[in-house]
């Protein structure tokens, strides 16, 4: 198992536990006689954030206040500083967590942004935190980002982590009205993530093809539109990339490729912070604030 974890980032999420080992065995048995059923079950697992939100969600402490909102009848939750309504001139910044995370992971960044004169809005994405649902996927992340920009905008900036950062980069390239971006520990593209997932569960290529087709069907766009080359040709916002050299969940290769591809990008590397501690680092928060502050 340790070897798989080192070579396959998906194993950090799916390798442990008897129930997941049983799922791997069951999917393996189904692939031959019932590839369609195997693909549906695999996509259901792929679309279920782990660990389940009930086991980790906690309300943000004061002065952060829940801001319920809806997207096509689905109840969602955002968090905002209690004094934000009294300071409407503050530039607004959207904060987006990654897969299996929650708004609370972005609180240290939000506090630095508030102290720097900005109005941070922390999202609980669908099936995460205090937002409704148990399953979600990249197309729903994108839909939520565009809706949140309309609901909470105008946006001076947006900060996102991991899968959220990949979704934000794609949404911005597709017209999300935001001025500046900060992408922290940006995830690899869906094609690569699906490959890791398939390897973790021993999925055959025929089953993986069905999973890729399902994502394309739901999102209405090819998976190549998440690759650095496509993003570099379409994303025009000034972008700060922050990545740790020792990140095992989101290898550094993605940040390096994005830095090379994007027309206006800065890359800041850290050491020893990994995939999640990077969100708590004071130096990272200061760099994000400097990048997002509007020019005077």
Protein backbone atom coordinates (compact mmCIF):
# COMPACT_ATOMS: atom_id res chain seq x y z
CA UNK A 1 0.00 0.00 0.00
CA UNK A 2 2.84 2.42 0.76
CA UNK A 3 4.21 1.90 -2.74
CA UNK A 4 0.83 2.71 -4.28
CA UNK A 5 0.51 5.86 -2.17
CA UNK A 6 3.88 7.13 -3.35
CA UNK A 7 3.18 6.43 -7.02
CA UNK A 8 -0.55 7.16 -7.19
CA UNK A 9 -2.01 10.29 -5.52
CA UNK A 10 -5.52 8.79 -5.63
CA UNK A 11 -4.38 6.15 -3.15
CA UNK A 12 -4.16 8.89 -0.51
CA UNK A 13 -7.97 9.07 -0.65
CA UNK A 14 -9.03 5.54 -1.61
CA UNK A 15 -6.40 2.99 -0.57
CA UNK A 16 -7.28 2.53 3.09
CA UNK A 17 -10.12 0.77 4.82
CA UNK A 18 -11.83 -2.58 4.46
CA UNK A 19 -14.90 -1.13 2.76
CA UNK A 20 -12.83 0.41 -0.02
CA UNK A 21 -10.86 -2.80 -0.52
CA UNK A 22 -14.15 -4.65 -0.85
CA UNK A 23 -15.34 -2.08 -3.38
CA UNK A 24 -12.16 -2.57 -5.38
CA UNK A 25 -12.73 -6.33 -5.38
CA UNK A 26 -16.41 -5.96 -6.34
CA UNK A 27 -15.66 -3.59 -9.21
CA UNK A 28 -13.01 -5.99 -10.43
CA UNK A 29 -15.49 -8.87 -10.56
CA UNK A 30 -18.15 -6.79 -12.37
CA UNK A 31 -15.98 -5.32 -15.11
CA UNK A 32 -16.06 -8.37 -17.35
CA UNK A 33 -19.72 -9.46 -17.24
CA UNK A 34 -21.24 -6.02 -16.53
CA UNK A 35 -18.99 -3.14 -17.65
CA UNK A 36 -21.91 -0.67 -17.73
CA UNK A 37 -22.90 -1.40 -14.15
CA UNK A 38 -19.27 -1.34 -13.09
CA UNK A 39 -18.84 2.09 -14.69
CA UNK A 40 -21.96 3.47 -12.98
CA UNK A 41 -20.80 2.22 -9.59
CA UNK A 42 -17.29 3.55 -10.19
CA UNK A 43 -18.62 6.96 -11.22
CA UNK A 44 -20.77 7.05 -8.09
CA UNK A 45 -17.69 6.44 -5.96
CA UNK A 46 -15.63 8.92 -7.98
CA UNK A 47 -18.35 11.54 -7.37
CA UNK A 48 -18.58 10.99 -3.60
CA UNK A 49 -16.28 13.28 -1.59
CA UNK A 50 -14.35 11.40 1.09
CA UNK A 51 -14.29 11.61 4.04
CA UNK A 52 -18.04 12.14 4.23
CA UNK A 53 -18.88 15.68 5.31
CA UNK A 54 -20.79 14.67 8.46
CA UNK A 55 -17.59 13.32 9.96
CA UNK A 56 -15.68 16.58 9.69
CA UNK A 57 -17.91 19.59 9.17
CA UNK A 58 -17.86 22.29 11.81
CA UNK A 59 -19.41 25.76 11.65
CA UNK A 60 -16.96 28.57 11.20
CA UNK A 61 -16.51 30.50 14.46
CA UNK A 62 -17.42 34.16 14.88
CA UNK A 63 -17.07 36.58 13.22
CA UNK A 64 -17.85 34.33 10.24
CA UNK A 65 -21.57 33.98 9.53
CA UNK A 66 -23.36 31.44 7.33
CA UNK A 67 -24.88 32.85 4.13
CA UNK A 68 -27.41 30.32 2.73
CA UNK A 69 -28.15 30.54 -0.98
CA UNK A 70 -29.62 28.32 -3.67
CA UNK A 71 -28.62 27.05 -7.07
CA UNK A 72 -31.43 25.49 -9.10
CA UNK A 73 -33.25 24.47 -5.94
CA UNK A 74 -30.19 23.02 -4.20
CA UNK A 75 -29.36 24.54 -0.82
CA UNK A 76 -25.79 25.82 -0.63
CA UNK A 77 -23.83 27.58 2.08
CA UNK A 78 -21.25 30.36 2.03
CA UNK A 79 -19.57 32.16 4.93
CA UNK A 80 -18.92 35.88 5.26
CA UNK A 81 -17.55 38.24 7.89
CA UNK A 82 -20.25 39.60 10.21
CA UNK A 83 -19.20 43.19 9.42
CA UNK A 84 -19.16 42.77 5.64
CA UNK A 85 -22.61 44.30 5.12
CA UNK A 86 -21.42 47.49 6.82
CA UNK A 87 -18.42 47.73 4.47
CA UNK A 88 -19.86 47.43 0.94
CA UNK A 89 -16.85 49.14 -0.67
CA UNK A 90 -14.46 46.31 0.21
CA UNK A 91 -13.33 44.33 -2.87
CA UNK A 92 -14.94 40.89 -2.84
CA UNK A 93 -12.93 37.68 -3.08
CA UNK A 94 -14.32 34.18 -3.51
CA UNK A 95 -12.57 31.34 -1.64
CA UNK A 96 -13.01 27.77 -2.88
CA UNK A 97 -11.85 24.60 -1.12
CA UNK A 98 -10.84 21.32 -2.75
CA UNK A 99 -12.22 17.79 -2.92
CA UNK A 100 -13.34 16.45 0.46
CA UNK A 101 -12.59 19.79 2.11
CA UNK A 102 -14.73 22.64 3.35
CA UNK A 103 -14.91 26.38 3.83
CA UNK A 104 -13.14 26.11 7.17
CA UNK A 105 -9.92 25.13 5.43
CA UNK A 106 -9.84 28.57 3.82
CA UNK A 107 -10.40 30.52 7.05
CA UNK A 108 -6.76 31.46 7.68
CA UNK A 109 -6.57 32.94 4.19
CA UNK A 110 -9.92 34.68 4.65
CA UNK A 111 -8.80 36.29 7.89
CA UNK A 112 -5.68 37.69 6.24
CA UNK A 113 -7.76 39.02 3.34
CA UNK A 114 -10.23 40.68 5.73
CA UNK A 115 -7.40 42.35 7.65
CA UNK A 116 -6.05 43.52 4.29
CA UNK A 117 -9.27 45.39 3.51
CA UNK A 118 -11.03 42.80 1.36
CA UNK A 119 -14.39 41.02 1.67
CA UNK A 120 -13.73 37.26 1.54
CA UNK A 121 -16.63 34.91 0.79
CA UNK A 122 -15.94 31.26 1.64
CA UNK A 123 -17.92 28.65 -0.28
CA UNK A 124 -19.01 25.21 0.83
CA UNK A 125 -19.21 23.50 -2.54
CA UNK A 126 -22.04 21.01 -3.29
CA UNK A 127 -21.80 17.83 -1.20
CA UNK A 128 -19.27 19.53 1.09
CA UNK A 129 -19.57 21.23 4.45
CA UNK A 130 -23.01 22.71 5.08
CA UNK A 131 -24.10 22.60 1.45
CA UNK A 132 -26.64 19.97 0.39
CA UNK A 133 -25.88 16.76 -1.45
CA UNK A 134 -23.67 13.70 -1.12
CA UNK A 135 -22.28 13.51 -4.63
CA UNK A 136 -20.80 16.11 -6.94
CA UNK A 137 -18.35 16.40 -9.82
CA UNK A 138 -16.30 18.90 -11.79
CA UNK A 139 -19.21 20.11 -13.99
CA UNK A 140 -21.19 20.96 -10.83
CA UNK A 141 -18.18 22.75 -9.35
CA UNK A 142 -18.04 24.89 -12.50
CA UNK A 143 -21.77 25.60 -12.41
CA UNK A 144 -21.48 26.64 -8.77
CA UNK A 145 -18.60 29.02 -9.46
CA UNK A 146 -20.46 30.83 -12.23
CA UNK A 147 -23.60 31.07 -10.09
CA UNK A 148 -21.64 32.30 -7.07
CA UNK A 149 -20.03 35.05 -9.15
CA UNK A 150 -23.48 36.26 -10.14
CA UNK A 151 -24.88 35.93 -6.62
CA UNK A 152 -21.98 37.44 -4.64
CA UNK A 153 -20.17 39.55 -7.26
CA UNK A 154 -18.64 41.68 -8.53
CA UNK A 155 -15.43 39.83 -7.73
CA UNK A 156 -12.02 41.41 -7.46
CA UNK A 157 -10.43 38.02 -7.05
CA UNK A 158 -10.84 34.32 -6.33
CA UNK A 159 -8.64 31.92 -4.38
CA UNK A 160 -8.98 28.16 -4.71
CA UNK A 161 -7.29 24.98 -3.54
CA UNK A 162 -6.64 21.65 -5.28
CA UNK A 163 -9.63 20.49 -7.39
CA UNK A 164 -11.24 23.84 -6.63
CA UNK A 165 -8.23 25.57 -8.18
CA UNK A 166 -8.54 23.51 -11.35
CA UNK A 167 -12.25 24.33 -11.53
CA UNK A 168 -11.54 28.02 -10.98
CA UNK A 169 -8.92 28.14 -13.73
CA UNK A 170 -11.34 26.55 -16.20
CA UNK A 171 -14.25 28.78 -15.14
CA UNK A 172 -12.11 31.90 -15.54
CA UNK A 173 -10.99 30.75 -18.97
CA UNK A 174 -14.68 30.33 -19.84
CA UNK A 175 -15.66 33.85 -18.86
CA UNK A 176 -16.04 33.88 -15.06
CA UNK A 177 -16.17 37.61 -14.21
CA UNK A 178 -13.20 37.89 -11.85
CA UNK A 179 -10.17 40.16 -12.02
CA UNK A 180 -7.35 38.11 -10.45
CA UNK A 181 -6.77 34.47 -9.47
CA UNK A 182 -4.73 32.63 -6.84
CA UNK A 183 -4.44 28.86 -7.41
CA UNK A 184 -3.04 26.93 -4.45
CA UNK A 185 -1.87 23.33 -4.87
CA UNK A 186 -3.75 23.10 -8.15
CA UNK A 187 -4.91 19.59 -9.02
CA UNK A 188 -3.91 17.65 -12.09
CA UNK A 189 -6.49 17.67 -14.95
CA UNK A 190 -9.47 15.28 -14.86
CA UNK A 191 -7.95 12.91 -17.43
CA UNK A 192 -4.97 12.33 -15.13
CA UNK A 193 -7.08 12.15 -11.96
CA UNK A 194 -9.35 9.57 -13.58
CA UNK A 195 -6.29 7.57 -14.54
CA UNK A 196 -5.08 7.56 -10.93
CA UNK A 197 -8.55 6.60 -9.73
CA UNK A 198 -8.77 3.80 -12.24
CA UNK A 199 -5.37 2.46 -11.21
CA UNK A 200 -6.32 2.57 -7.52
CA UNK A 201 -9.35 0.37 -8.24
CA UNK A 202 -7.92 -1.75 -11.02
CA UNK A 203 -10.40 -0.44 -13.61
CA UNK A 204 -10.09 -1.55 -17.20
CA UNK A 205 -9.71 0.98 -19.99
CA UNK A 206 -13.22 0.19 -21.28
CA UNK A 207 -14.67 1.25 -17.91
CA UNK A 208 -12.49 4.36 -17.73
CA UNK A 209 -13.70 5.36 -21.19
CA UNK A 210 -17.26 5.33 -19.87
CA UNK A 211 -16.26 7.51 -16.90
CA UNK A 212 -14.57 10.03 -19.17
CA UNK A 213 -17.59 10.08 -21.48
CA UNK A 214 -19.90 10.68 -18.52
CA UNK A 215 -17.88 13.71 -17.38
CA UNK A 216 -17.90 15.12 -20.90
CA UNK A 217 -21.66 14.56 -21.18
CA UNK A 218 -22.35 16.29 -17.85
CA UNK A 219 -20.04 19.22 -18.53
CA UNK A 220 -20.64 19.70 -22.23
CA UNK A 221 -16.92 20.18 -22.84
CA UNK A 222 -13.99 17.94 -23.64
CA UNK A 223 -11.50 17.02 -20.95
CA UNK A 224 -8.75 18.69 -22.97
CA UNK A 225 -10.19 22.06 -21.86
CA UNK A 226 -8.71 21.42 -18.39
CA UNK A 227 -5.19 20.85 -19.68
CA UNK A 228 -2.50 23.56 -19.28
CA UNK A 229 -2.18 24.11 -23.04
CA UNK A 230 -5.88 24.92 -23.45
CA UNK A 231 -5.99 27.06 -20.30
CA UNK A 232 -2.93 28.98 -21.45
CA UNK A 233 -4.69 29.91 -24.69
CA UNK A 234 -7.87 31.11 -22.98
CA UNK A 235 -7.15 32.36 -19.44
CA UNK A 236 -6.19 36.03 -19.35
CA UNK A 237 -6.43 37.00 -15.66
CA UNK A 238 -3.21 37.61 -13.73
CA UNK A 239 -2.68 34.37 -11.81
CA UNK A 240 -0.63 33.49 -8.75
CA UNK A 241 0.33 29.81 -8.50
CA UNK A 242 1.37 28.57 -5.06
CA UNK A 243 2.59 24.99 -4.73
CA UNK A 244 4.65 22.92 -2.33
CA UNK A 245 7.50 20.87 -3.70
CA UNK A 246 6.49 17.95 -1.46
CA UNK A 247 2.79 17.88 -2.39
CA UNK A 248 1.83 14.20 -2.87
CA UNK A 249 -1.87 14.76 -3.60
CA UNK A 250 -1.28 17.32 -6.38
CA UNK A 251 2.20 16.82 -7.85
CA UNK A 252 4.21 19.93 -8.67
CA UNK A 253 4.19 19.06 -12.39
CA UNK A 254 0.77 20.72 -12.87
CA UNK A 255 1.86 24.05 -11.39
CA UNK A 256 5.02 24.08 -13.50
CA UNK A 257 3.02 23.34 -16.66
CA UNK A 258 0.48 26.05 -15.85
CA UNK A 259 3.21 28.58 -15.11
CA UNK A 260 4.74 27.87 -18.49
CA UNK A 261 1.41 27.99 -20.34
CA UNK A 262 -0.40 30.96 -18.78
CA UNK A 263 0.29 34.39 -20.28
CA UNK A 264 0.33 36.28 -16.93
CA UNK A 265 1.41 34.03 -14.08
CA UNK A 266 3.66 34.05 -11.04
CA UNK A 267 4.85 30.86 -9.34
CA UNK A 268 5.66 30.71 -5.65
CA UNK A 269 7.06 27.43 -4.33
CA UNK A 270 7.09 26.33 -0.70
CA UNK A 271 8.86 23.52 1.14
CA UNK A 272 7.54 21.10 3.74
CA UNK A 273 3.91 22.30 3.75
CA UNK A 274 2.39 19.53 1.65
CA UNK A 275 -1.10 19.68 0.21
CA UNK A 276 -3.16 21.06 3.11
CA UNK A 277 -0.83 22.86 5.53
CA UNK A 278 -0.06 25.31 2.75
CA UNK A 279 -3.49 26.85 3.40
CA UNK A 280 -2.48 27.76 6.96
CA UNK A 281 0.87 29.35 6.14
CA UNK A 282 1.12 33.05 6.97
CA UNK A 283 3.63 33.79 4.19
CA UNK A 284 1.33 32.18 1.62
CA UNK A 285 -1.60 34.25 2.90
CA UNK A 286 0.43 37.46 2.60
CA UNK A 287 1.46 36.59 -0.96
CA UNK A 288 -2.17 35.92 -1.91
CA UNK A 289 -3.26 39.26 -0.40
CA UNK A 290 -0.54 41.16 -2.29
CA UNK A 291 -1.56 39.53 -5.55
CA UNK A 292 -5.29 40.18 -5.14
CA UNK A 293 -5.19 43.75 -3.91
CA UNK A 294 -6.46 46.14 -6.59
CA UNK A 295 -3.99 48.60 -8.07
CA UNK A 296 -4.29 52.07 -6.59
